[in-house]
PDB file of N, CA and C in Angstrom:
ATOM      1  N   UNK A   1       0.853  -1.175   0.000  1.00  0.00           N
ATOM      2  CA  UNK A   1       0.000   0.000   0.000  1.00  0.00           C
ATOM      3  C   UNK A   1       0.898   1.236   0.000  1.00  0.00           C
ATOM      4  N   UNK A   2       0.580   2.136  -0.855  1.00  0.00           N
ATOM      5  CA  UNK A   2       1.387   3.344  -0.987  1.00  0.00           C
ATOM      6  C   UNK A   2       1.016   4.337   0.107  1.00  0.00           C
ATOM      7  N   UNK A   3       1.926   5.228   0.393  1.00  0.00           N
ATOM      8  CA  UNK A   3       1.718   6.269   1.409  1.00  0.00           C
ATOM      9  C   UNK A   3       0.486   7.092   1.103  1.00  0.00           C
ATOM     10  N   UNK A   4       0.257   7.451  -0.119  1.00  0.00           N
ATOM     11  CA  UNK A   4      -0.909   8.267  -0.457  1.00  0.00           C
ATOM     12  C   UNK A   4      -2.192   7.516  -0.158  1.00  0.00           C
ATOM     13  N   UNK A   5      -2.204   6.216  -0.345  1.00  0.00           N
ATOM     14  CA  UNK A   5      -3.395   5.426  -0.024  1.00  0.00           C
ATOM     15  C   UNK A   5      -3.618   5.382   1.484  1.00  0.00           C
ATOM     16  N   UNK A   6      -2.536   5.258   2.255  1.00  0.00           N
ATOM     17  CA  UNK A   6      -2.652   5.241   3.711  1.00  0.00           C
ATOM     18  C   UNK A   6      -3.152   6.589   4.223  1.00  0.00           C
ATOM     19  N   UNK A   7      -2.642   7.666   3.696  1.00  0.00           N
ATOM     20  CA  UNK A   7      -3.052   8.990   4.140  1.00  0.00           C
ATOM     21  C   UNK A   7      -4.493   9.296   3.755  1.00  0.00           C
ATOM     22  N   UNK A   8      -4.930   8.803   2.622  1.00  0.00           N
ATOM     23  CA  UNK A   8      -6.299   9.085   2.212  1.00  0.00           C
ATOM     24  C   UNK A   8      -7.309   8.320   3.057  1.00  0.00           C
ATOM     25  N   UNK A   9      -6.872   7.231   3.712  1.00  0.00           N
ATOM     26  CA  UNK A   9      -7.797   6.476   4.553  1.00  0.00           C
ATOM     27  C   UNK A   9      -7.869   7.021   5.985  1.00  0.00           C
ATOM     28  N   UNK A  10      -6.989   7.948   6.343  1.00  0.00           N
ATOM     29  CA  UNK A  10      -6.983   8.550   7.678  1.00  0.00           C
ATOM     30  C   UNK A  10      -8.060   9.620   7.735  1.00  0.00           C
ATOM     31  N   UNK A  11      -8.891   9.509   8.776  1.00  0.00           N
ATOM     32  CA  UNK A  11      -9.941  10.518   8.951  1.00  0.00           C
ATOM     33  C   UNK A  11      -9.382  11.670   9.764  1.00  0.00           C
ATOM     34  N   UNK A  12      -9.565  12.849   9.263  1.00  0.00           N
ATOM     35  CA  UNK A  12      -9.093  14.045   9.931  1.00  0.00           C
ATOM     36  C   UNK A  12     -10.306  14.885  10.289  1.00  0.00           C
ATOM     37  N   UNK A  13     -10.339  15.334  11.539  1.00  0.00           N
ATOM     38  CA  UNK A  13     -11.453  16.168  11.978  1.00  0.00           C
ATOM     39  C   UNK A  13     -11.369  17.531  11.302  1.00  0.00           C
ATOM     40  N   UNK A  14     -12.513  18.019  10.938  1.00  0.00           N
ATOM     41  CA  UNK A  14     -12.550  19.347  10.323  1.00  0.00           C
ATOM     42  C   UNK A  14     -12.284  20.400  11.390  1.00  0.00           C
ATOM     43  N   UNK A  15     -11.890  21.580  10.981  1.00  0.00           N
ATOM     44  CA  UNK A  15     -11.668  22.656  11.957  1.00  0.00           C
ATOM     45  C   UNK A  15     -12.923  22.948  12.786  1.00  0.00           C
ATOM     46  N   UNK A  16     -14.084  22.834  12.173  1.00  0.00           N
ATOM     47  CA  UNK A  16     -15.331  23.089  12.903  1.00  0.00           C
ATOM     48  C   UNK A  16     -15.543  22.033  13.990  1.00  0.00           C
ATOM     49  N   UNK A  17     -15.247  20.765  13.664  1.00  0.00           N
ATOM     50  CA  UNK A  17     -15.389  19.696  14.652  1.00  0.00           C
ATOM     51  C   UNK A  17     -14.384  19.865  15.784  1.00  0.00           C
ATOM     52  N   UNK A  18     -13.185  20.259  15.454  1.00  0.00           N
ATOM     53  CA  UNK A  18     -12.159  20.492  16.464  1.00  0.00           C
ATOM     54  C   UNK A  18     -12.567  21.648  17.375  1.00  0.00           C
ATOM     55  N   UNK A  19     -13.061  22.719  16.792  1.00  0.00           N
ATOM     56  CA  UNK A  19     -13.497  23.876  17.577  1.00  0.00           C
ATOM     57  C   UNK A  19     -14.661  23.505  18.483  1.00  0.00           C
ATOM     58  N   UNK A  20     -15.588  22.705  17.962  1.00  0.00           N
ATOM     59  CA  UNK A  20     -16.729  22.260  18.768  1.00  0.00           C
ATOM     60  C   UNK A  20     -16.259  21.410  19.936  1.00  0.00           C
ATOM     61  N   UNK A  21     -15.302  20.535  19.691  1.00  0.00           N
ATOM     62  CA  UNK A  21     -14.762  19.684  20.741  1.00  0.00           C
ATOM     63  C   UNK A  21     -14.062  20.501  21.816  1.00  0.00           C
ATOM     64  N   UNK A  22     -13.269  21.458  21.397  1.00  0.00           N
ATOM     65  CA  UNK A  22     -12.568  22.321  22.359  1.00  0.00           C
ATOM     66  C   UNK A  22     -13.568  23.144  23.155  1.00  0.00           C
ATOM     67  N   UNK A  23     -14.558  23.679  22.479  1.00  0.00           N
ATOM     68  CA  UNK A  23     -15.588  24.481  23.152  1.00  0.00           C
ATOM     69  C   UNK A  23     -16.340  23.633  24.175  1.00  0.00           C
ATOM     70  N   UNK A  24     -16.670  22.409  23.804  1.00  0.00           N
ATOM     71  CA  UNK A  24     -17.367  21.501  24.715  1.00  0.00           C
ATOM     72  C   UNK A  24     -16.512  21.191  25.941  1.00  0.00           C
ATOM     73  N   UNK A  25     -15.223  20.999  25.730  1.00  0.00           N
ATOM     74  CA  UNK A  25     -14.311  20.731  26.847  1.00  0.00           C
ATOM     75  C   UNK A  25     -14.214  21.929  27.783  1.00  0.00           C
ATOM     76  N   UNK A  26     -14.149  23.109  27.215  1.00  0.00           N
ATOM     77  CA  UNK A  26     -14.066  24.328  28.028  1.00  0.00           C
ATOM     78  C   UNK A  26     -15.343  24.516  28.834  1.00  0.00           C
ATOM     79  N   UNK A  27     -16.492  24.276  28.207  1.00  0.00           N
ATOM     80  CA  UNK A  27     -17.771  24.397  28.922  1.00  0.00           C
ATOM     81  C   UNK A  27     -17.850  23.397  30.057  1.00  0.00           C
ATOM     82  N   UNK A  28     -17.393  22.180  29.808  1.00  0.00           N
ATOM     83  CA  UNK A  28     -17.403  21.150  30.838  1.00  0.00           C
ATOM     84  C   UNK A  28     -16.511  21.542  32.011  1.00  0.00           C
ATOM     85  N   UNK A  29     -15.341  22.053  31.722  1.00  0.00           N
ATOM     86  CA  UNK A  29     -14.427  22.513  32.765  1.00  0.00           C
ATOM     87  C   UNK A  29     -15.029  23.685  33.530  1.00  0.00           C
ATOM     88  N   UNK A  30     -15.662  24.604  32.834  1.00  0.00           N
ATOM     89  CA  UNK A  30     -16.291  25.757  33.486  1.00  0.00           C
ATOM     90  C   UNK A  30     -17.405  25.307  34.429  1.00  0.00           C
ATOM     91  N   UNK A  31     -18.230  24.338  33.980  1.00  0.00           N
ATOM     92  CA  UNK A  31     -19.297  23.817  34.854  1.00  0.00           C
ATOM     93  C   UNK A  31     -18.704  23.191  36.111  1.00  0.00           C
ATOM     94  N   UNK A  32     -17.639  22.414  35.935  1.00  0.00           N
ATOM     95  CA  UNK A  32     -16.982  21.786  37.077  1.00  0.00           C
ATOM     96  C   UNK A  32     -16.461  22.841  38.047  1.00  0.00           C
ATOM     97  N   UNK A  33     -15.794  23.873  37.528  1.00  0.00           N
ATOM     98  CA  UNK A  33     -15.244  24.919  38.390  1.00  0.00           C
ATOM     99  C   UNK A  33     -16.345  25.683  39.124  1.00  0.00           C
ATOM    100  N   UNK A  34     -17.445  25.943  38.448  1.00  0.00           N
ATOM    101  CA  UNK A  34     -18.568  26.639  39.091  1.00  0.00           C
ATOM    102  C   UNK A  34     -19.139  25.780  40.225  1.00  0.00           C
ATOM    103  N   UNK A  35     -19.298  24.487  39.977  1.00  0.00           N
ATOM    104  CA  UNK A  35     -19.791  23.591  41.029  1.00  0.00           C
ATOM    105  C   UNK A  35     -18.826  23.545  42.212  1.00  0.00           C
ATOM    106  N   UNK A  36     -17.537  23.516  41.921  1.00  0.00           N
ATOM    107  CA  UNK A  36     -16.531  23.464  42.976  1.00  0.00           C
ATOM    108  C   UNK A  36     -16.549  24.748  43.811  1.00  0.00           C
ATOM    109  N   UNK A  37     -16.621  25.898  43.144  1.00  0.00           N
ATOM    110  CA  UNK A  37     -16.665  27.181  43.858  1.00  0.00           C
ATOM    111  C   UNK A  37     -17.940  27.261  44.707  1.00  0.00           C
ATOM    112  N   UNK A  38     -19.067  26.806  44.163  1.00  0.00           N
ATOM    113  CA  UNK A  38     -20.316  26.810  44.935  1.00  0.00           C
ATOM    114  C   UNK A  38     -20.209  25.903  46.156  1.00  0.00           C
ATOM    115  N   UNK A  39     -19.590  24.743  46.008  1.00  0.00           N
ATOM    116  CA  UNK A  39     -19.409  23.835  47.143  1.00  0.00           C
ATOM    117  C   UNK A  39     -18.523  24.478  48.205  1.00  0.00           C
ATOM    118  N   UNK A  40     -17.454  25.147  47.775  1.00  0.00           N
ATOM    119  CA  UNK A  40     -16.590  25.852  48.727  1.00  0.00           C
ATOM    120  C   UNK A  40     -17.369  26.930  49.474  1.00  0.00           C
ATOM    121  N   UNK A  41     -18.185  27.677  48.753  1.00  0.00           N
ATOM    122  CA  UNK A  41     -18.997  28.725  49.382  1.00  0.00           C
ATOM    123  C   UNK A  41     -19.994  28.130  50.359  1.00  0.00           C
ATOM    124  N   UNK A  42     -20.608  27.000  49.999  1.00  0.00           N
ATOM    125  CA  UNK A  42     -21.561  26.336  50.891  1.00  0.00           C
ATOM    126  C   UNK A  42     -20.892  25.934  52.200  1.00  0.00           C
ATOM    127  N   UNK A  43     -19.737  25.288  52.101  1.00  0.00           N
ATOM    128  CA  UNK A  43     -19.060  24.819  53.308  1.00  0.00           C
ATOM    129  C   UNK A  43     -18.460  25.966  54.110  1.00  0.00           C
ATOM    130  N   UNK A  44     -18.080  27.041  53.450  1.00  0.00           N
ATOM    131  CA  UNK A  44     -17.613  28.217  54.176  1.00  0.00           C
ATOM    132  C   UNK A  44     -18.766  28.820  54.987  1.00  0.00           C
ATOM    133  N   UNK A  45     -19.935  28.897  54.382  1.00  0.00           N
ATOM    134  CA  UNK A  45     -21.115  29.417  55.094  1.00  0.00           C
ATOM    135  C   UNK A  45     -21.456  28.521  56.280  1.00  0.00           C
ATOM    136  N   UNK A  46     -21.381  27.217  56.082  1.00  0.00           N
ATOM    137  CA  UNK A  46     -21.668  26.279  57.176  1.00  0.00           C
ATOM    138  C   UNK A  46     -20.656  26.458  58.305  1.00  0.00           C
ATOM    139  N   UNK A  47     -19.397  26.634  57.959  1.00  0.00           N
ATOM    140  CA  UNK A  47     -18.359  26.821  58.976  1.00  0.00           C
ATOM    141  C   UNK A  47     -18.580  28.115  59.749  1.00  0.00           C
ATOM    142  N   UNK A  48     -18.983  29.169  59.055  1.00  0.00           N
ATOM    143  CA  UNK A  48     -19.237  30.446  59.731  1.00  0.00           C
ATOM    144  C   UNK A  48     -20.423  30.320  60.693  1.00  0.00           C
ATOM    145  N   UNK A  49     -21.471  29.626  60.271  1.00  0.00           N
ATOM    146  CA  UNK A  49     -22.617  29.426  61.165  1.00  0.00           C
ATOM    147  C   UNK A  49     -22.226  28.572  62.357  1.00  0.00           C
ATOM    148  N   UNK A  50     -21.420  27.544  62.099  1.00  0.00           N
ATOM    149  CA  UNK A  50     -20.983  26.669  63.188  1.00  0.00           C
ATOM    150  C   UNK A  50     -20.201  27.462  64.232  1.00  0.00           C
ATOM    151  N   UNK A  51     -19.315  28.341  63.777  1.00  0.00           N
ATOM    152  CA  UNK A  51     -18.532  29.157  64.710  1.00  0.00           C
ATOM    153  C   UNK A  51     -19.432  30.000  65.608  1.00  0.00           C
ATOM    154  N   UNK A  52     -20.547  30.480  65.070  1.00  0.00           N
ATOM    155  CA  UNK A  52     -21.471  31.284  65.878  1.00  0.00           C
ATOM    156  C   UNK A  52     -22.300  30.404  66.802  1.00  0.00           C
ATOM    157  N   UNK A  53     -22.810  29.306  66.278  1.00  0.00           N
ATOM    158  CA  UNK A  53     -23.735  28.478  67.055  1.00  0.00           C
ATOM    159  C   UNK A  53     -23.051  27.607  68.100  1.00  0.00           C
ATOM    160  N   UNK A  54     -21.792  27.257  67.900  1.00  0.00           N
ATOM    161  CA  UNK A  54     -21.136  26.362  68.852  1.00  0.00           C
ATOM    162  C   UNK A  54     -20.939  27.013  70.212  1.00  0.00           C
ATOM    163  N   UNK A  55     -20.995  28.329  70.242  1.00  0.00           N
ATOM    164  CA  UNK A  55     -20.829  29.058  71.505  1.00  0.00           C
ATOM    165  C   UNK A  55     -22.093  29.054  72.362  1.00  0.00           C
ATOM    166  N   UNK A  56     -23.229  28.700  71.746  1.00  0.00           N
ATOM    167  CA  UNK A  56     -24.492  28.707  72.482  1.00  0.00           C
ATOM    168  C   UNK A  56     -24.569  27.522  73.441  1.00  0.00           C
ATOM    169  N   UNK A  57     -25.364  27.698  74.476  1.00  0.00           N
ATOM    170  CA  UNK A  57     -25.575  26.603  75.427  1.00  0.00           C
ATOM    171  C   UNK A  57     -26.444  25.526  74.781  1.00  0.00           C
ATOM    172  N   UNK A  58     -26.469  24.357  75.403  1.00  0.00           N
ATOM    173  CA  UNK A  58     -27.299  23.269  74.884  1.00  0.00           C
ATOM    174  C   UNK A  58     -28.776  23.672  74.885  1.00  0.00           C
ATOM    175  N   UNK A  59     -29.182  24.425  75.891  1.00  0.00           N
ATOM    176  CA  UNK A  59     -30.566  24.887  75.958  1.00  0.00           C
ATOM    177  C   UNK A  59     -30.920  25.829  74.811  1.00  0.00           C
ATOM    178  N   UNK A  60     -30.023  26.751  74.509  1.00  0.00           N
ATOM    179  CA  UNK A  60     -30.245  27.678  73.389  1.00  0.00           C
ATOM    180  C   UNK A  60     -30.287  26.934  72.066  1.00  0.00           C
ATOM    181  N   UNK A  61     -29.412  25.966  71.913  1.00  0.00           N
ATOM    182  CA  UNK A  61     -29.432  25.164  70.688  1.00  0.00           C
ATOM    183  C   UNK A  61     -30.751  24.402  70.568  1.00  0.00           C
ATOM    184  N   UNK A  62     -31.197  23.851  71.696  1.00  0.00           N
ATOM    185  CA  UNK A  62     -32.460  23.094  71.689  1.00  0.00           C
ATOM    186  C   UNK A  62     -33.632  24.003  71.299  1.00  0.00           C
ATOM    187  N   UNK A  63     -33.642  25.246  71.780  1.00  0.00           N
ATOM    188  CA  UNK A  63     -34.700  26.199  71.421  1.00  0.00           C
ATOM    189  C   UNK A  63     -34.738  26.430  69.911  1.00  0.00           C
ATOM    190  N   UNK A  64     -33.584  26.329  69.269  1.00  0.00           N
ATOM    191  CA  UNK A  64     -33.496  26.532  67.824  1.00  0.00           C
ATOM    192  C   UNK A  64     -33.684  25.233  67.043  1.00  0.00           C
ATOM    193  N   UNK A  65     -33.976  24.167  67.775  1.00  0.00           N
ATOM    194  CA  UNK A  65     -34.199  22.878  67.113  1.00  0.00           C
ATOM    195  C   UNK A  65     -32.914  22.183  66.704  1.00  0.00           C
ATOM    196  N   UNK A  66     -31.829  22.509  67.403  1.00  0.00           N
ATOM    197  CA  UNK A  66     -30.523  21.937  67.065  1.00  0.00           C
ATOM    198  C   UNK A  66     -29.966  21.139  68.234  1.00  0.00           C
ATOM    199  N   UNK A  67     -29.078  20.242  67.937  1.00  0.00           N
ATOM    200  CA  UNK A  67     -28.398  19.451  68.945  1.00  0.00           C
ATOM    201  C   UNK A  67     -26.896  19.601  68.743  1.00  0.00           C
ATOM    202  N   UNK A  68     -26.169  19.693  69.847  1.00  0.00           N
ATOM    203  CA  UNK A  68     -24.719  19.810  69.742  1.00  0.00           C
ATOM    204  C   UNK A  68     -24.119  18.578  69.065  1.00  0.00           C
ATOM    205  N   UNK A  69     -24.736  17.415  69.282  1.00  0.00           N
ATOM    206  CA  UNK A  69     -24.223  16.162  68.706  1.00  0.00           C
ATOM    207  C   UNK A  69     -24.269  16.158  67.182  1.00  0.00           C
ATOM    208  N   UNK A  70     -25.238  16.834  66.608  1.00  0.00           N
ATOM    209  CA  UNK A  70     -25.405  16.798  65.149  1.00  0.00           C
ATOM    210  C   UNK A  70     -25.262  18.176  64.506  1.00  0.00           C
ATOM    211  N   UNK A  71     -24.753  19.126  65.251  1.00  0.00           N
ATOM    212  CA  UNK A  71     -24.696  20.516  64.783  1.00  0.00           C
ATOM    213  C   UNK A  71     -23.921  20.664  63.472  1.00  0.00           C
ATOM    214  N   UNK A  72     -22.730  20.113  63.416  1.00  0.00           N
ATOM    215  CA  UNK A  72     -21.910  20.270  62.204  1.00  0.00           C
ATOM    216  C   UNK A  72     -22.591  19.625  60.997  1.00  0.00           C
ATOM    217  N   UNK A  73     -23.090  18.413  61.168  1.00  0.00           N
ATOM    218  CA  UNK A  73     -23.753  17.717  60.051  1.00  0.00           C
ATOM    219  C   UNK A  73     -24.999  18.469  59.596  1.00  0.00           C
ATOM    220  N   UNK A  74     -25.797  18.933  60.557  1.00  0.00           N
ATOM    221  CA  UNK A  74     -27.019  19.660  60.210  1.00  0.00           C
ATOM    222  C   UNK A  74     -26.705  20.952  59.446  1.00  0.00           C
ATOM    223  N   UNK A  75     -25.671  21.653  59.859  1.00  0.00           N
ATOM    224  CA  UNK A  75     -25.304  22.895  59.173  1.00  0.00           C
ATOM    225  C   UNK A  75     -24.785  22.626  57.765  1.00  0.00           C
ATOM    226  N   UNK A  76     -23.972  21.587  57.615  1.00  0.00           N
ATOM    227  CA  UNK A  76     -23.476  21.243  56.263  1.00  0.00           C
ATOM    228  C   UNK A  76     -24.627  20.880  55.348  1.00  0.00           C
ATOM    229  N   UNK A  77     -25.592  20.114  55.863  1.00  0.00           N
ATOM    230  CA  UNK A  77     -26.745  19.735  55.040  1.00  0.00           C
ATOM    231  C   UNK A  77     -27.593  20.945  54.688  1.00  0.00           C
ATOM    232  N   UNK A  78     -27.750  21.871  55.618  1.00  0.00           N
ATOM    233  CA  UNK A  78     -28.589  23.033  55.349  1.00  0.00           C
ATOM    234  C   UNK A  78     -27.952  23.987  54.352  1.00  0.00           C
ATOM    235  N   UNK A  79     -26.631  23.977  54.258  1.00  0.00           N
ATOM    236  CA  UNK A  79     -25.945  24.871  53.326  1.00  0.00           C
ATOM    237  C   UNK A  79     -25.627  24.227  51.992  1.00  0.00           C
ATOM    238  N   UNK A  80     -25.857  22.937  51.845  1.00  0.00           N
ATOM    239  CA  UNK A  80     -25.506  22.212  50.619  1.00  0.00           C
ATOM    240  C   UNK A  80     -26.567  22.433  49.553  1.00  0.00           C
ATOM    241  N   UNK A  81     -26.214  23.191  48.493  1.00  0.00           N
ATOM    242  CA  UNK A  81     -27.153  23.482  47.415  1.00  0.00           C
ATOM    243  C   UNK A  81     -27.450  22.259  46.555  1.00  0.00           C
ATOM    244  N   UNK A  82     -26.584  21.268  46.608  1.00  0.00           N
ATOM    245  CA  UNK A  82     -26.782  20.080  45.767  1.00  0.00           C
ATOM    246  C   UNK A  82     -27.639  19.020  46.450  1.00  0.00           C
ATOM    247  N   UNK A  83     -28.030  19.230  47.678  1.00  0.00           N
ATOM    248  CA  UNK A  83     -28.781  18.224  48.426  1.00  0.00           C
ATOM    249  C   UNK A  83     -30.125  17.919  47.780  1.00  0.00           C
ATOM    250  N   UNK A  84     -30.742  18.881  47.145  1.00  0.00           N
ATOM    251  CA  UNK A  84     -32.053  18.683  46.536  1.00  0.00           C
ATOM    252  C   UNK A  84     -31.998  18.088  45.128  1.00  0.00           C
ATOM    253  N   UNK A  85     -30.820  17.885  44.596  1.00  0.00           N
ATOM    254  CA  UNK A  85     -30.692  17.395  43.212  1.00  0.00           C
ATOM    255  C   UNK A  85     -30.780  15.907  43.145  1.00  0.00           C
TER     256      UNK A  85
END
């Protein structure tokens, strides 16, 4: 088989297909980064609330419907935007 025959059988992506693929990859990466930043913001908010609420007495926490035993978990769940998905 001659070189020209081998080269003619190779499929080459068109510039439009390559651009579409690159664009799709960039969009996918952007979605991932947005989700990651949102998760960081959620857990930062939970940590800030925990810092405020951990100083309260057990009675004050109980009045708010919270328990010291589950405070961290409850706050993380309440701040997690992906919990409903």
